[in-house]
Amino acid sequence: MKFKALAVTLAATLGLAIPASAGATTLIGSGSVAAQPVFEALFSKYEKLHHNIKFVYTANGGNAGVQDVQNGTSQFAGQARAPLPSDAGTTYVKMYLDGLCIDVHPGNGLTNIQIPTLADIYHGTVTNWTQVPGSSLTTTIDPIGRDTNGGTYNFFLQAVLNNQPPSSNVNALTSDGLVVNAVKNDPNAIGYAGLAWQGKGLSAVKVNGLPCKPSKIKNLKYPLSRYIFTVLPTSNPNPQVTKWIDWARTSKAAGEVIEHAGGVPAFNKGFK
């Protein structure tokens, strides 16, 4: 029994597929918080279709998830940014489309923001809402963003901040959920979060005049449109994980799940 327990512990430590129950296999993933609502919905649907497969997913941030794949503690990772040179030994697979929405409190009259103004806010050169055209506030801006473990941090860095780090006055949080909750509870806040995290208590403003909506994300017209990726080890990816990826990317059933969970199908049959 000691040897069996040791073997299961070692398999989990190395990110290997481990038995979940008799005849079942657990696939271990980690990474993107932005992708979590859609990934969890896809896992649930796939498990109903394949009773021998179970998923365990830790939403610790896309960058942390890629590191997990690199060191073998995860078989796959969700990621909300494109590959970087630091991602050696991994392969990125486009899964579906997402939009990074810019949110303010509903009490703020802002309905549109230009990317240069957004960059100025997060670089700390614009600090009061009176400096932002369209805002009805006269108070200090409270910018909220993601921590460096998140791929969303890098996406925002590249797409908005021209690869210049954000100002020290930006409140860097560890998940999209924390970002949207902070915006809901702070009339002076502005934040960014994935499409799947939008909901009541937020006002998603247009960016460069275009809304963060599936119709504008699907054709990549919304300025902060992006792909959500699954990241695999380049050498010997788990065949059960690749089978799930093929289903999630291409099947009509998976496309319906993606759409319902807040993503935008990009490759699934029956979605154009």
C-alpha atoms as a PDB file:
ATOM      1  CA  MET A   1       0.000   0.000   0.000  1.00  0.00           C
ATOM      2  CA  LYS A   2       2.864   2.369   0.742  1.00  0.00           C
ATOM      3  CA  PHE A   3       4.305   1.801  -2.717  1.00  0.00           C
ATOM      4  CA  LYS A   4       0.896   2.409  -4.360  1.00  0.00           C
ATOM      5  CA  ALA A   5       0.393   5.666  -2.417  1.00  0.00           C
ATOM      6  CA  LEU A   6       3.894   6.789  -3.358  1.00  0.00           C
ATOM      7  CA  ALA A   7       3.230   6.082  -7.036  1.00  0.00           C
ATOM      8  CA  VAL A   8      -0.011   8.115  -7.052  1.00  0.00           C
ATOM      9  CA  THR A   9       1.691  11.000  -5.224  1.00  0.00           C
ATOM     10  CA  LEU A  10       4.592  10.962  -7.677  1.00  0.00           C
ATOM     11  CA  ALA A  11       2.217  10.914 -10.659  1.00  0.00           C
ATOM     12  CA  ALA A  12       0.350  13.929  -9.323  1.00  0.00           C
ATOM     13  CA  THR A  13       3.598  15.768  -8.618  1.00  0.00           C
ATOM     14  CA  LEU A  14       4.800  15.190 -12.181  1.00  0.00           C
ATOM     15  CA  GLY A  15       1.482  16.277 -13.694  1.00  0.00           C
ATOM     16  CA  LEU A  16       0.718  12.837 -15.070  1.00  0.00           C
ATOM     17  CA  ALA A  17      -2.743  11.464 -15.742  1.00  0.00           C
ATOM     18  CA  ILE A  18      -3.775   9.690 -12.543  1.00  0.00           C
ATOM     19  CA  PRO A  19      -6.701   7.358 -11.852  1.00  0.00           C
ATOM     20  CA  ALA A  20      -9.726   9.265 -10.536  1.00  0.00           C
ATOM     21  CA  SER A  21     -11.638   6.053  -9.861  1.00  0.00           C
ATOM     22  CA  ALA A  22     -11.805   2.607 -11.344  1.00  0.00           C
ATOM     23  CA  GLY A  23     -11.410   2.984 -15.097  1.00  0.00           C
ATOM     24  CA  ALA A  24     -11.233   6.807 -14.979  1.00  0.00           C
ATOM     25  CA  THR A  25      -8.357   9.153 -15.798  1.00  0.00           C
ATOM     26  CA  THR A  26      -7.767  12.621 -14.368  1.00  0.00           C
ATOM     27  CA  LEU A  27      -6.230  15.281 -16.607  1.00  0.00           C
ATOM     28  CA  ILE A  28      -4.395  18.038 -14.768  1.00  0.00           C
ATOM     29  CA  GLY A  29      -4.408  21.627 -15.979  1.00  0.00           C
ATOM     30  CA  SER A  30      -3.748  25.104 -14.652  1.00  0.00           C
ATOM     31  CA  GLY A  31      -3.396  28.680 -15.829  1.00  0.00           C
ATOM     32  CA  SER A  32      -5.687  31.404 -17.149  1.00  0.00           C
ATOM     33  CA  VAL A  33      -8.351  32.874 -14.881  1.00  0.00           C
ATOM     34  CA  ALA A  34      -9.904  34.630 -17.882  1.00  0.00           C
ATOM     35  CA  ALA A  35     -10.448  31.219 -19.485  1.00  0.00           C
ATOM     36  CA  GLN A  36     -11.716  29.511 -16.346  1.00  0.00           C
ATOM     37  CA  PRO A  37     -15.500  29.951 -16.849  1.00  0.00           C
ATOM     38  CA  VAL A  38     -15.350  28.612 -20.423  1.00  0.00           C
ATOM     39  CA  PHE A  39     -12.826  25.869 -19.679  1.00  0.00           C
ATOM     40  CA  GLU A  40     -14.828  24.621 -16.690  1.00  0.00           C
ATOM     41  CA  ALA A  41     -17.972  24.484 -18.829  1.00  0.00           C
ATOM     42  CA  LEU A  42     -16.106  22.564 -21.539  1.00  0.00           C
ATOM     43  CA  PHE A  43     -14.699  20.147 -18.954  1.00  0.00           C
ATOM     44  CA  SER A  44     -18.166  19.479 -17.568  1.00  0.00           C
ATOM     45  CA  LYS A  45     -19.671  18.767 -20.996  1.00  0.00           C
ATOM     46  CA  TYR A  46     -16.760  16.536 -22.024  1.00  0.00           C
ATOM     47  CA  GLU A  47     -16.935  14.531 -18.791  1.00  0.00           C
ATOM     48  CA  LYS A  48     -20.600  13.794 -19.516  1.00  0.00           C
ATOM     49  CA  LEU A  49     -19.648  12.521 -22.961  1.00  0.00           C
ATOM     50  CA  HIS A  50     -16.605  10.586 -21.708  1.00  0.00           C
ATOM     51  CA  HIS A  51     -17.246   9.122 -18.266  1.00  0.00           C
ATOM     52  CA  ASN A  52     -13.681   7.801 -18.049  1.00  0.00           C
ATOM     53  CA  ILE A  53     -12.208  11.339 -18.116  1.00  0.00           C
ATOM     54  CA  LYS A  54     -12.066  13.840 -15.248  1.00  0.00           C
ATOM     55  CA  PHE A  55     -10.404  17.271 -15.191  1.00  0.00           C
ATOM     56  CA  VAL A  56      -8.656  19.141 -12.398  1.00  0.00           C
ATOM     57  CA  TYR A  57      -7.922  22.794 -13.242  1.00  0.00           C
ATOM     58  CA  THR A  58      -6.159  25.311 -11.005  1.00  0.00           C
ATOM     59  CA  ALA A  59      -6.752  28.924 -12.078  1.00  0.00           C
ATOM     60  CA  ASN A  60      -3.409  30.346 -10.957  1.00  0.00           C
ATOM     61  CA  GLY A  61      -2.838  32.690 -13.923  1.00  0.00           C
ATOM     62  CA  GLY A  62      -1.791  31.991 -17.504  1.00  0.00           C
ATOM     63  CA  ASN A  63       1.904  32.716 -16.971  1.00  0.00           C
ATOM     64  CA  ALA A  64       2.009  30.474 -13.904  1.00  0.00           C
ATOM     65  CA  GLY A  65       0.194  27.775 -15.870  1.00  0.00           C
ATOM     66  CA  VAL A  66       2.766  27.851 -18.670  1.00  0.00           C
ATOM     67  CA  GLN A  67       5.497  27.407 -16.078  1.00  0.00           C
ATOM     68  CA  ASP A  68       3.566  24.417 -14.722  1.00  0.00           C
ATOM     69  CA  VAL A  69       3.585  22.861 -18.193  1.00  0.00           C
ATOM     70  CA  GLN A  70       7.288  23.578 -18.561  1.00  0.00           C
ATOM     71  CA  ASN A  71       8.164  21.904 -15.259  1.00  0.00           C
ATOM     72  CA  GLY A  72       5.747  19.008 -15.731  1.00  0.00           C
ATOM     73  CA  THR A  73       3.264  19.710 -12.927  1.00  0.00           C
ATOM     74  CA  SER A  74       0.439  20.363 -15.411  1.00  0.00           C
ATOM     75  CA  GLN A  75      -0.389  18.540 -18.626  1.00  0.00           C
ATOM     76  CA  PHE A  76      -1.930  21.654 -20.148  1.00  0.00           C
ATOM     77  CA  ALA A  77      -2.490  25.319 -19.362  1.00  0.00           C
ATOM     78  CA  GLY A  78      -5.015  27.977 -20.292  1.00  0.00           C
ATOM     79  CA  GLN A  79      -3.433  31.184 -21.553  1.00  0.00           C
ATOM     80  CA  ALA A  80      -4.884  34.590 -22.504  1.00  0.00           C
ATOM     81  CA  ARG A  81      -1.883  35.990 -24.361  1.00  0.00           C
ATOM     82  CA  ALA A  82       0.179  35.026 -27.390  1.00  0.00           C
ATOM     83  CA  PRO A  83       3.444  33.062 -26.984  1.00  0.00           C
ATOM     84  CA  LEU A  84       6.581  34.749 -25.633  1.00  0.00           C
ATOM     85  CA  PRO A  85      10.234  33.678 -25.961  1.00  0.00           C
ATOM     86  CA  SER A  86      10.132  32.572 -22.311  1.00  0.00           C
ATOM     87  CA  ASP A  87       7.607  29.849 -23.240  1.00  0.00           C
ATOM     88  CA  ALA A  88      10.272  27.486 -24.594  1.00  0.00           C
ATOM     89  CA  GLY A  89       9.263  23.855 -24.828  1.00  0.00           C
ATOM     90  CA  THR A  90       5.543  24.581 -25.178  1.00  0.00           C
ATOM     91  CA  THR A  91       3.043  24.628 -28.023  1.00  0.00           C
ATOM     92  CA  TYR A  92       0.116  27.067 -28.158  1.00  0.00           C
ATOM     93  CA  VAL A  93      -3.235  26.023 -29.648  1.00  0.00           C
ATOM     94  CA  LYS A  94      -5.930  28.638 -30.364  1.00  0.00           C
ATOM     95  CA  MET A  95      -9.192  27.581 -28.698  1.00  0.00           C
ATOM     96  CA  TYR A  96     -11.704  30.436 -29.053  1.00  0.00           C
ATOM     97  CA  LEU A  97     -11.948  34.227 -29.089  1.00  0.00           C
ATOM     98  CA  ASP A  98     -12.321  36.574 -26.148  1.00  0.00           C
ATOM     99  CA  GLY A  99     -12.441  40.300 -25.585  1.00  0.00           C
ATOM    100  CA  LEU A 100     -10.699  42.169 -22.798  1.00  0.00           C
ATOM    101  CA  CYS A 101     -13.460  44.501 -21.618  1.00  0.00           C
ATOM    102  CA  ILE A 102     -12.814  47.845 -19.923  1.00  0.00           C
ATOM    103  CA  ASP A 103     -15.156  48.287 -16.981  1.00  0.00           C
ATOM    104  CA  VAL A 104     -16.169  51.228 -14.809  1.00  0.00           C
ATOM    105  CA  HIS A 105     -18.724  51.586 -12.043  1.00  0.00           C
ATOM    106  CA  PRO A 106     -22.280  52.210 -13.336  1.00  0.00           C
ATOM    107  CA  GLY A 107     -22.232  55.562 -11.536  1.00  0.00           C
ATOM    108  CA  ASN A 108     -19.571  56.806 -13.925  1.00  0.00           C
ATOM    109  CA  GLY A 109     -21.068  58.371 -17.046  1.00  0.00           C
ATOM    110  CA  LEU A 110     -18.194  57.177 -19.237  1.00  0.00           C
ATOM    111  CA  THR A 111     -19.347  55.269 -22.332  1.00  0.00           C
ATOM    112  CA  ASN A 112     -16.217  55.287 -24.512  1.00  0.00           C
ATOM    113  CA  ILE A 113     -12.473  55.529 -24.038  1.00  0.00           C
ATOM    114  CA  GLN A 114      -9.584  55.835 -26.476  1.00  0.00           C
ATOM    115  CA  ILE A 115      -6.616  53.528 -26.016  1.00  0.00           C
ATOM    116  CA  PRO A 116      -4.117  56.410 -25.557  1.00  0.00           C
ATOM    117  CA  THR A 117      -6.258  57.775 -22.689  1.00  0.00           C
ATOM    118  CA  LEU A 118      -6.490  54.284 -21.181  1.00  0.00           C
ATOM    119  CA  ALA A 119      -2.705  53.997 -21.380  1.00  0.00           C
ATOM    120  CA  ASP A 120      -2.294  57.370 -19.691  1.00  0.00           C
ATOM    121  CA  ILE A 121      -4.517  56.226 -16.813  1.00  0.00           C
ATOM    122  CA  TYR A 122      -2.513  53.055 -16.239  1.00  0.00           C
ATOM    123  CA  HIS A 123       0.795  54.881 -16.648  1.00  0.00           C
ATOM    124  CA  GLY A 124      -0.293  57.375 -14.000  1.00  0.00           C
ATOM    125  CA  THR A 125      -0.188  60.503 -16.170  1.00  0.00           C
ATOM    126  CA  VAL A 126      -3.996  60.886 -16.047  1.00  0.00           C
ATOM    127  CA  THR A 127      -5.160  60.602 -12.456  1.00  0.00           C
ATOM    128  CA  ASN A 128      -8.500  62.438 -12.237  1.00  0.00           C
ATOM    129  CA  TRP A 129     -11.765  61.658 -13.998  1.00  0.00           C
ATOM    130  CA  THR A 130     -12.073  65.299 -15.096  1.00  0.00           C
ATOM    131  CA  GLN A 131      -9.199  64.525 -17.505  1.00  0.00           C
ATOM    132  CA  VAL A 132     -11.191  61.751 -19.212  1.00  0.00           C
ATOM    133  CA  PRO A 133     -13.701  62.955 -21.847  1.00  0.00           C
ATOM    134  CA  GLY A 134     -17.179  61.619 -21.160  1.00  0.00           C
ATOM    135  CA  SER A 135     -16.814  60.888 -17.462  1.00  0.00           C
ATOM    136  CA  SER A 136     -19.257  62.553 -15.103  1.00  0.00           C
ATOM    137  CA  LEU A 137     -16.916  62.287 -12.119  1.00  0.00           C
ATOM    138  CA  THR A 138     -14.519  64.825 -10.603  1.00  0.00           C
ATOM    139  CA  THR A 139     -12.661  62.368  -8.353  1.00  0.00           C
ATOM    140  CA  THR A 140      -9.309  60.587  -8.364  1.00  0.00           C
ATOM    141  CA  ILE A 141      -9.176  57.552 -10.668  1.00  0.00           C
ATOM    142  CA  ASP A 142      -8.604  54.163  -9.026  1.00  0.00           C
ATOM    143  CA  PRO A 143      -7.048  51.951 -11.743  1.00  0.00           C
ATOM    144  CA  ILE A 144      -7.283  48.201 -11.163  1.00  0.00           C
ATOM    145  CA  GLY A 145      -5.370  45.559 -13.082  1.00  0.00           C
ATOM    146  CA  ARG A 146      -3.959  42.047 -12.977  1.00  0.00           C
ATOM    147  CA  ASP A 147      -0.791  40.754 -11.339  1.00  0.00           C
ATOM    148  CA  THR A 148       2.124  39.454 -13.401  1.00  0.00           C
ATOM    149  CA  ASN A 149       1.083  35.792 -13.001  1.00  0.00           C
ATOM    150  CA  GLY A 150      -1.768  36.435 -15.411  1.00  0.00           C
ATOM    151  CA  GLY A 151      -1.429  36.293 -19.175  1.00  0.00           C
ATOM    152  CA  THR A 152      -4.030  39.068 -19.223  1.00  0.00           C
ATOM    153  CA  TYR A 153      -1.398  41.312 -17.622  1.00  0.00           C
ATOM    154  CA  ASN A 154       0.920  40.730 -20.595  1.00  0.00           C
ATOM    155  CA  PHE A 155      -1.887  41.163 -23.114  1.00  0.00           C
ATOM    156  CA  PHE A 156      -2.799  44.539 -21.602  1.00  0.00           C
ATOM    157  CA  LEU A 157       0.882  45.458 -21.430  1.00  0.00           C
ATOM    158  CA  GLN A 158       1.282  44.819 -25.171  1.00  0.00           C
ATOM    159  CA  ALA A 159      -2.102  45.962 -26.487  1.00  0.00           C
ATOM    160  CA  VAL A 160      -2.509  49.122 -24.383  1.00  0.00           C
ATOM    161  CA  LEU A 161       0.686  50.082 -22.558  1.00  0.00           C
ATOM    162  CA  ASN A 162       3.180  49.674 -25.425  1.00  0.00           C
ATOM    163  CA  ASN A 163       5.171  47.243 -23.224  1.00  0.00           C
ATOM    164  CA  GLN A 164       5.790  49.939 -20.616  1.00  0.00           C
ATOM    165  CA  PRO A 165       4.980  48.781 -17.060  1.00  0.00           C
ATOM    166  CA  PRO A 166       1.928  50.170 -15.279  1.00  0.00           C
ATOM    167  CA  SER A 167       2.210  52.881 -12.642  1.00  0.00           C
ATOM    168  CA  SER A 168       2.636  52.041  -8.967  1.00  0.00           C
ATOM    169  CA  ASN A 169      -0.864  53.410  -8.281  1.00  0.00           C
ATOM    170  CA  VAL A 170      -2.465  50.475 -10.164  1.00  0.00           C
ATOM    171  CA  ASN A 171      -4.036  47.968  -7.783  1.00  0.00           C
ATOM    172  CA  ALA A 172      -2.792  44.624  -9.173  1.00  0.00           C
ATOM    173  CA  LEU A 173      -5.124  41.746  -8.270  1.00  0.00           C
ATOM    174  CA  THR A 174      -4.788  38.005  -8.743  1.00  0.00           C
ATOM    175  CA  SER A 175      -7.928  37.238 -10.745  1.00  0.00           C
ATOM    176  CA  ASP A 176     -10.530  38.668 -13.107  1.00  0.00           C
ATOM    177  CA  GLY A 177     -13.154  37.990 -10.463  1.00  0.00           C
ATOM    178  CA  LEU A 178     -11.378  40.186  -7.946  1.00  0.00           C
ATOM    179  CA  VAL A 179     -10.975  42.929 -10.557  1.00  0.00           C
ATOM    180  CA  VAL A 180     -14.678  43.051 -11.442  1.00  0.00           C
ATOM    181  CA  ASN A 181     -15.708  42.933  -7.775  1.00  0.00           C
ATOM    182  CA  ALA A 182     -13.370  45.830  -7.005  1.00  0.00           C
ATOM    183  CA  VAL A 183     -14.905  47.887  -9.828  1.00  0.00           C
ATOM    184  CA  LYS A 184     -18.426  47.063  -8.651  1.00  0.00           C
ATOM    185  CA  ASN A 185     -17.587  48.349  -5.170  1.00  0.00           C
ATOM    186  CA  ASP A 186     -15.638  51.488  -6.098  1.00  0.00           C
ATOM    187  CA  PRO A 187     -17.368  54.370  -7.949  1.00  0.00           C
ATOM    188  CA  ASN A 188     -13.955  55.782  -8.926  1.00  0.00           C
ATOM    189  CA  ALA A 189     -12.514  52.560 -10.325  1.00  0.00           C
ATOM    190  CA  ILE A 190     -11.616  51.397 -13.812  1.00  0.00           C
ATOM    191  CA  GLY A 191     -10.538  47.837 -14.538  1.00  0.00           C
ATOM    192  CA  TYR A 192     -10.200  45.197 -17.231  1.00  0.00           C
ATOM    193  CA  ALA A 193     -11.491  41.622 -17.392  1.00  0.00           C
ATOM    194  CA  GLY A 194     -12.402  38.967 -19.935  1.00  0.00           C
ATOM    195  CA  LEU A 195     -15.798  38.776 -21.633  1.00  0.00           C
ATOM    196  CA  ALA A 196     -16.888  35.756 -19.580  1.00  0.00           C
ATOM    197  CA  TRP A 197     -16.519  37.780 -16.355  1.00  0.00           C
ATOM    198  CA  GLN A 198     -18.907  40.564 -17.341  1.00  0.00           C
ATOM    199  CA  GLY A 199     -22.205  40.950 -15.496  1.00  0.00           C
ATOM    200  CA  LYS A 200     -24.452  43.099 -13.340  1.00  0.00           C
ATOM    201  CA  GLY A 201     -22.862  45.972 -11.447  1.00  0.00           C
ATOM    202  CA  LEU A 202     -20.400  46.792 -14.240  1.00  0.00           C
ATOM    203  CA  SER A 203     -20.460  49.261 -17.100  1.00  0.00           C
ATOM    204  CA  ALA A 204     -18.327  48.013 -19.994  1.00  0.00           C
ATOM    205  CA  VAL A 205     -17.258  51.056 -22.002  1.00  0.00           C
ATOM    206  CA  LYS A 206     -16.556  51.114 -25.695  1.00  0.00           C
ATOM    207  CA  VAL A 207     -12.892  51.180 -26.730  1.00  0.00           C
ATOM    208  CA  ASN A 208     -12.104  53.427 -29.678  1.00  0.00           C
ATOM    209  CA  GLY A 209     -15.855  53.573 -30.263  1.00  0.00           C
ATOM    210  CA  LEU A 210     -16.414  49.803 -30.441  1.00  0.00           C
ATOM    211  CA  PRO A 211     -18.223  47.703 -27.826  1.00  0.00           C
ATOM    212  CA  CYS A 212     -16.803  44.629 -26.108  1.00  0.00           C
ATOM    213  CA  LYS A 213     -19.423  42.326 -27.636  1.00  0.00           C
ATOM    214  CA  PRO A 214     -19.235  38.964 -29.426  1.00  0.00           C
ATOM    215  CA  SER A 215     -20.307  40.484 -32.765  1.00  0.00           C
ATOM    216  CA  LYS A 216     -17.260  42.787 -32.748  1.00  0.00           C
ATOM    217  CA  ILE A 217     -14.907  40.236 -31.226  1.00  0.00           C
ATOM    218  CA  LYS A 218     -15.766  37.531 -33.760  1.00  0.00           C
ATOM    219  CA  ASN A 219     -14.418  39.623 -36.647  1.00  0.00           C
ATOM    220  CA  LEU A 220     -11.551  41.025 -34.511  1.00  0.00           C
ATOM    221  CA  LYS A 221     -12.830  44.605 -34.912  1.00  0.00           C
ATOM    222  CA  TYR A 222     -12.977  45.253 -31.176  1.00  0.00           C
ATOM    223  CA  PRO A 223      -9.470  46.628 -30.425  1.00  0.00           C
ATOM    224  CA  LEU A 224      -8.842  44.328 -27.451  1.00  0.00           C
ATOM    225  CA  SER A 225      -9.949  41.086 -29.101  1.00  0.00           C
ATOM    226  CA  ARG A 226      -7.696  38.105 -28.396  1.00  0.00           C
ATOM    227  CA  TYR A 227      -7.482  34.343 -28.641  1.00  0.00           C
ATOM    228  CA  ILE A 228      -7.606  32.086 -25.621  1.00  0.00           C
ATOM    229  CA  PHE A 229      -5.027  29.300 -25.957  1.00  0.00           C
ATOM    230  CA  THR A 230      -4.387  25.875 -24.543  1.00  0.00           C
ATOM    231  CA  VAL A 231      -0.675  25.360 -23.927  1.00  0.00           C
ATOM    232  CA  LEU A 232       0.862  21.886 -24.195  1.00  0.00           C
ATOM    233  CA  PRO A 233       4.363  20.491 -23.786  1.00  0.00           C
ATOM    234  CA  THR A 234       5.874  20.290 -27.262  1.00  0.00           C
ATOM    235  CA  SER A 235       7.296  16.849 -26.502  1.00  0.00           C
ATOM    236  CA  ASN A 236       4.858  14.025 -25.800  1.00  0.00           C
ATOM    237  CA  PRO A 237       1.618  15.880 -25.050  1.00  0.00           C
ATOM    238  CA  ASN A 238      -0.983  13.694 -23.382  1.00  0.00           C
ATOM    239  CA  PRO A 239      -3.180  12.121 -26.111  1.00  0.00           C
ATOM    240  CA  GLN A 240      -6.301  12.455 -23.967  1.00  0.00           C
ATOM    241  CA  VAL A 241      -5.666  16.207 -23.643  1.00  0.00           C
ATOM    242  CA  THR A 242      -5.164  16.612 -27.398  1.00  0.00           C
ATOM    243  CA  LYS A 243      -8.377  14.663 -27.994  1.00  0.00           C
ATOM    244  CA  TRP A 244     -10.249  17.098 -25.732  1.00  0.00           C
ATOM    245  CA  ILE A 245      -8.673  20.073 -27.528  1.00  0.00           C
ATOM    246  CA  ASP A 246      -9.803  18.787 -30.928  1.00  0.00           C
ATOM    247  CA  TRP A 247     -13.352  18.346 -29.628  1.00  0.00           C
ATOM    248  CA  ALA A 248     -13.412  21.752 -27.887  1.00  0.00           C
ATOM    249  CA  ARG A 249     -12.094  23.608 -30.938  1.00  0.00           C
ATOM    250  CA  THR A 250     -14.167  22.013 -33.665  1.00  0.00           C
ATOM    251  CA  SER A 251     -17.405  20.388 -32.495  1.00  0.00           C
ATOM    252  CA  LYS A 252     -20.766  22.126 -32.651  1.00  0.00           C
ATOM    253  CA  ALA A 253     -21.588  20.946 -29.128  1.00  0.00           C
ATOM    254  CA  ALA A 254     -18.434  22.578 -27.770  1.00  0.00           C
ATOM    255  CA  GLY A 255     -19.182  25.762 -29.700  1.00  0.00           C
ATOM    256  CA  GLU A 256     -22.546  25.986 -27.966  1.00  0.00           C
ATOM    257  CA  VAL A 257     -20.825  25.539 -24.599  1.00  0.00           C
ATOM    258  CA  ILE A 258     -18.246  28.236 -25.398  1.00  0.00           C
ATOM    259  CA  GLU A 259     -20.935  30.698 -26.473  1.00  0.00           C
ATOM    260  CA  HIS A 260     -23.126  30.047 -23.433  1.00  0.00           C
ATOM    261  CA  ALA A 261     -20.172  30.359 -21.028  1.00  0.00           C
ATOM    262  CA  GLY A 262     -19.105  33.762 -22.370  1.00  0.00           C
ATOM    263  CA  GLY A 263     -16.569  32.959 -25.073  1.00  0.00           C
ATOM    264  CA  VAL A 264     -16.755  33.478 -28.838  1.00  0.00           C
ATOM    265  CA  PRO A 265     -16.430  30.313 -30.964  1.00  0.00           C
ATOM    266  CA  ALA A 266     -13.742  30.707 -33.619  1.00  0.00           C
ATOM    267  CA  PHE A 267     -13.349  27.285 -35.228  1.00  0.00           C
ATOM    268  CA  ASN A 268     -16.400  25.272 -34.191  1.00  0.00           C
ATOM    269  CA  LYS A 269     -18.752  23.824 -36.778  1.00  0.00           C
ATOM    270  CA  GLY A 270     -21.936  25.808 -37.286  1.00  0.00           C
ATOM    271  CA  PHE A 271     -20.512  29.096 -35.950  1.00  0.00           C
ATOM    272  CA  LYS A 272     -19.596  31.882 -38.360  1.00  0.00           C
END
